[in-house]
């Protein structure tokens, strides 16, 4: 699943200041997500974070998407 370009809301985060933030995911790295929110770009740790995809109500645990996108796609294809 590609999350880049998706609008999300942070439901749970290791940094309490990030809970409730929403915006567009602009980059995904192996351990972090880059969220653009209100003109700022914020780095969000995947580990311990729970995000909700806007419009779908789908909830994703950051722990489940650790690693590079390419690795996740290869695991899912196996």
N, C-alpha and C. Protein backbone atom coordinates (compact mmCIF):
# COMPACT_ATOMS: atom_id res chain seq x y z
N UNK A 1 0.84 -1.18 0.00
CA UNK A 1 0.00 0.00 0.00
C UNK A 1 0.89 1.24 0.00
N UNK A 2 0.63 2.10 -0.96
CA UNK A 2 1.38 3.35 -1.04
C UNK A 2 0.61 4.43 -0.28
N UNK A 3 1.27 5.05 0.66
CA UNK A 3 0.63 6.08 1.48
C UNK A 3 0.94 7.50 1.02
N UNK A 4 1.95 7.65 0.16
CA UNK A 4 2.36 8.98 -0.28
C UNK A 4 1.22 9.65 -1.03
N UNK A 5 0.95 10.88 -0.66
CA UNK A 5 -0.13 11.65 -1.27
C UNK A 5 -1.46 11.49 -0.55
N UNK A 6 -1.53 10.59 0.41
CA UNK A 6 -2.77 10.35 1.15
C UNK A 6 -2.89 11.34 2.30
N UNK A 7 -4.10 11.74 2.60
CA UNK A 7 -4.38 12.59 3.75
C UNK A 7 -4.59 11.68 4.95
N UNK A 8 -3.94 12.02 6.05
CA UNK A 8 -4.01 11.18 7.25
C UNK A 8 -4.18 12.04 8.49
N UNK A 9 -4.57 11.37 9.56
CA UNK A 9 -4.65 12.01 10.88
C UNK A 9 -3.91 11.11 11.86
N UNK A 10 -3.10 11.71 12.72
CA UNK A 10 -2.35 10.97 13.72
C UNK A 10 -3.26 10.72 14.92
N UNK A 11 -3.53 9.44 15.21
CA UNK A 11 -4.40 9.09 16.34
C UNK A 11 -3.60 8.81 17.61
N UNK A 12 -2.44 8.17 17.45
CA UNK A 12 -1.56 7.82 18.57
C UNK A 12 -0.14 8.08 18.12
N UNK A 13 0.68 8.66 19.00
CA UNK A 13 2.09 8.91 18.66
C UNK A 13 2.92 8.88 19.93
N UNK A 14 4.19 8.55 19.77
CA UNK A 14 5.10 8.57 20.92
C UNK A 14 5.33 10.00 21.39
N UNK A 15 5.20 10.98 20.50
CA UNK A 15 5.29 12.39 20.85
C UNK A 15 3.85 12.91 21.01
N UNK A 16 3.43 13.21 22.23
CA UNK A 16 2.04 13.65 22.45
C UNK A 16 1.67 14.91 21.68
N UNK A 17 2.64 15.71 21.28
CA UNK A 17 2.36 16.93 20.51
C UNK A 17 1.89 16.61 19.09
N UNK A 18 2.13 15.39 18.63
CA UNK A 18 1.76 15.01 17.26
C UNK A 18 0.35 14.41 17.18
N UNK A 19 -0.21 14.02 18.31
CA UNK A 19 -1.55 13.43 18.32
C UNK A 19 -2.56 14.48 17.84
N UNK A 20 -3.38 14.10 16.88
CA UNK A 20 -4.39 14.99 16.34
C UNK A 20 -3.97 15.75 15.10
N UNK A 21 -2.67 15.72 14.77
CA UNK A 21 -2.22 16.39 13.56
C UNK A 21 -2.79 15.70 12.34
N UNK A 22 -3.08 16.47 11.31
CA UNK A 22 -3.53 15.89 10.06
C UNK A 22 -2.86 16.62 8.92
N UNK A 23 -2.79 15.94 7.80
CA UNK A 23 -2.17 16.52 6.63
C UNK A 23 -1.90 15.47 5.58
N UNK A 24 -1.05 15.82 4.63
CA UNK A 24 -0.72 14.93 3.52
C UNK A 24 0.64 14.29 3.73
N UNK A 25 0.71 12.97 3.54
CA UNK A 25 2.00 12.28 3.62
C UNK A 25 2.77 12.56 2.33
N UNK A 26 3.93 13.16 2.46
CA UNK A 26 4.70 13.53 1.27
C UNK A 26 5.92 12.64 1.04
N UNK A 27 6.32 11.87 2.06
CA UNK A 27 7.48 10.99 1.91
C UNK A 27 7.40 9.90 2.97
N UNK A 28 7.81 8.71 2.58
CA UNK A 28 7.88 7.61 3.53
C UNK A 28 9.29 7.05 3.52
N UNK A 29 9.87 6.96 4.69
CA UNK A 29 11.19 6.34 4.85
C UNK A 29 10.99 5.06 5.65
N UNK A 30 12.07 4.32 5.89
CA UNK A 30 11.92 3.03 6.56
C UNK A 30 11.37 3.16 7.98
N UNK A 31 11.73 4.21 8.70
CA UNK A 31 11.28 4.35 10.09
C UNK A 31 10.44 5.59 10.35
N UNK A 32 10.28 6.44 9.33
CA UNK A 32 9.55 7.69 9.54
C UNK A 32 8.62 8.01 8.37
N UNK A 33 7.69 8.91 8.65
CA UNK A 33 6.80 9.47 7.64
C UNK A 33 7.00 10.98 7.66
N UNK A 34 6.93 11.61 6.50
CA UNK A 34 7.03 13.06 6.43
C UNK A 34 5.64 13.58 6.12
N UNK A 35 5.09 14.34 7.06
CA UNK A 35 3.73 14.85 6.98
C UNK A 35 3.75 16.35 6.73
N UNK A 36 3.03 16.79 5.71
CA UNK A 36 2.89 18.23 5.48
C UNK A 36 1.57 18.67 6.10
N UNK A 37 1.68 19.54 7.09
CA UNK A 37 0.50 19.99 7.84
C UNK A 37 0.60 21.50 8.06
N UNK A 38 -0.37 22.22 7.57
CA UNK A 38 -0.45 23.68 7.75
C UNK A 38 0.83 24.36 7.29
N UNK A 39 1.35 23.94 6.13
CA UNK A 39 2.53 24.57 5.55
C UNK A 39 3.85 24.15 6.18
N UNK A 40 3.79 23.23 7.14
CA UNK A 40 5.02 22.74 7.77
C UNK A 40 5.22 21.28 7.41
N UNK A 41 6.47 20.84 7.36
CA UNK A 41 6.78 19.43 7.14
C UNK A 41 7.30 18.86 8.46
N UNK A 42 6.62 17.81 8.92
CA UNK A 42 6.92 17.22 10.21
C UNK A 42 7.33 15.77 10.04
N UNK A 43 8.36 15.35 10.76
CA UNK A 43 8.79 13.96 10.73
C UNK A 43 8.07 13.21 11.84
N UNK A 44 7.40 12.14 11.45
CA UNK A 44 6.63 11.32 12.37
C UNK A 44 7.26 9.93 12.43
N UNK A 45 7.60 9.47 13.62
CA UNK A 45 8.13 8.12 13.79
C UNK A 45 7.03 7.11 13.52
N UNK A 46 7.35 6.05 12.78
CA UNK A 46 6.35 5.00 12.53
C UNK A 46 6.11 4.18 13.80
N UNK A 47 7.19 3.83 14.48
CA UNK A 47 7.10 2.97 15.66
C UNK A 47 6.24 3.64 16.73
N UNK A 48 5.19 2.95 17.15
CA UNK A 48 4.32 3.47 18.20
C UNK A 48 3.26 4.44 17.73
N UNK A 49 3.15 4.64 16.41
CA UNK A 49 2.19 5.59 15.87
C UNK A 49 1.02 4.86 15.23
N UNK A 50 -0.15 5.45 15.34
CA UNK A 50 -1.34 4.93 14.66
C UNK A 50 -1.91 6.09 13.84
N UNK A 51 -2.17 5.82 12.55
CA UNK A 51 -2.72 6.86 11.67
C UNK A 51 -4.05 6.40 11.09
N UNK A 52 -4.87 7.38 10.76
CA UNK A 52 -6.15 7.10 10.11
C UNK A 52 -6.11 7.71 8.72
N UNK A 53 -6.49 6.94 7.71
CA UNK A 53 -6.57 7.46 6.34
C UNK A 53 -7.85 8.25 6.20
N UNK A 54 -7.72 9.50 5.78
CA UNK A 54 -8.89 10.37 5.62
C UNK A 54 -9.82 9.82 4.55
N UNK A 55 -11.09 9.94 4.80
CA UNK A 55 -12.09 9.53 3.84
C UNK A 55 -12.45 8.06 3.88
N UNK A 56 -11.56 7.24 4.42
CA UNK A 56 -11.83 5.80 4.46
C UNK A 56 -12.06 5.32 5.89
N UNK A 57 -11.55 6.04 6.85
CA UNK A 57 -11.65 5.60 8.23
C UNK A 57 -10.76 4.41 8.54
N UNK A 58 -9.90 4.05 7.59
CA UNK A 58 -8.99 2.91 7.77
C UNK A 58 -7.86 3.32 8.72
N UNK A 59 -7.56 2.45 9.68
CA UNK A 59 -6.53 2.73 10.67
C UNK A 59 -5.32 1.84 10.39
N UNK A 60 -4.13 2.46 10.42
CA UNK A 60 -2.89 1.73 10.15
C UNK A 60 -1.93 1.95 11.30
N UNK A 61 -1.37 0.87 11.81
CA UNK A 61 -0.35 0.94 12.86
C UNK A 61 1.01 1.15 12.20
N UNK A 62 1.75 2.13 12.67
CA UNK A 62 3.08 2.40 12.14
C UNK A 62 4.00 1.20 12.28
N UNK A 63 3.82 0.42 13.36
CA UNK A 63 4.64 -0.78 13.57
C UNK A 63 4.48 -1.76 12.41
N UNK A 64 3.29 -1.78 11.79
CA UNK A 64 3.02 -2.70 10.69
C UNK A 64 3.62 -2.26 9.36
N UNK A 65 4.01 -0.99 9.27
CA UNK A 65 4.56 -0.50 8.01
C UNK A 65 6.03 -0.10 8.14
N UNK A 66 6.69 -0.60 9.18
CA UNK A 66 8.13 -0.34 9.32
C UNK A 66 8.86 -0.95 8.12
N UNK A 67 9.91 -0.33 7.71
CA UNK A 67 10.69 -0.80 6.56
C UNK A 67 10.37 0.02 5.32
N UNK A 68 11.17 -0.19 4.30
CA UNK A 68 10.98 0.55 3.05
C UNK A 68 9.75 0.03 2.31
N UNK A 69 9.14 0.89 1.54
CA UNK A 69 7.95 0.54 0.77
C UNK A 69 8.24 -0.67 -0.11
N UNK A 70 9.40 -0.68 -0.76
CA UNK A 70 9.75 -1.78 -1.67
C UNK A 70 9.80 -3.11 -0.93
N UNK A 71 10.32 -3.10 0.30
CA UNK A 71 10.39 -4.33 1.09
C UNK A 71 8.99 -4.81 1.47
N UNK A 72 8.11 -3.88 1.81
CA UNK A 72 6.75 -4.22 2.19
C UNK A 72 6.00 -4.83 1.02
N UNK A 73 6.20 -4.29 -0.17
CA UNK A 73 5.54 -4.81 -1.37
C UNK A 73 6.05 -6.23 -1.66
N UNK A 74 7.36 -6.44 -1.52
CA UNK A 74 7.94 -7.76 -1.78
C UNK A 74 7.41 -8.78 -0.77
N UNK A 75 7.27 -8.39 0.50
CA UNK A 75 6.73 -9.30 1.52
C UNK A 75 5.28 -9.67 1.20
N UNK A 76 4.50 -8.69 0.78
CA UNK A 76 3.09 -8.94 0.48
C UNK A 76 2.92 -9.84 -0.74
N UNK A 77 3.85 -9.76 -1.68
CA UNK A 77 3.76 -10.57 -2.90
C UNK A 77 4.16 -12.02 -2.64
N UNK A 78 4.89 -12.27 -1.57
CA UNK A 78 5.35 -13.62 -1.29
C UNK A 78 4.26 -14.51 -0.74
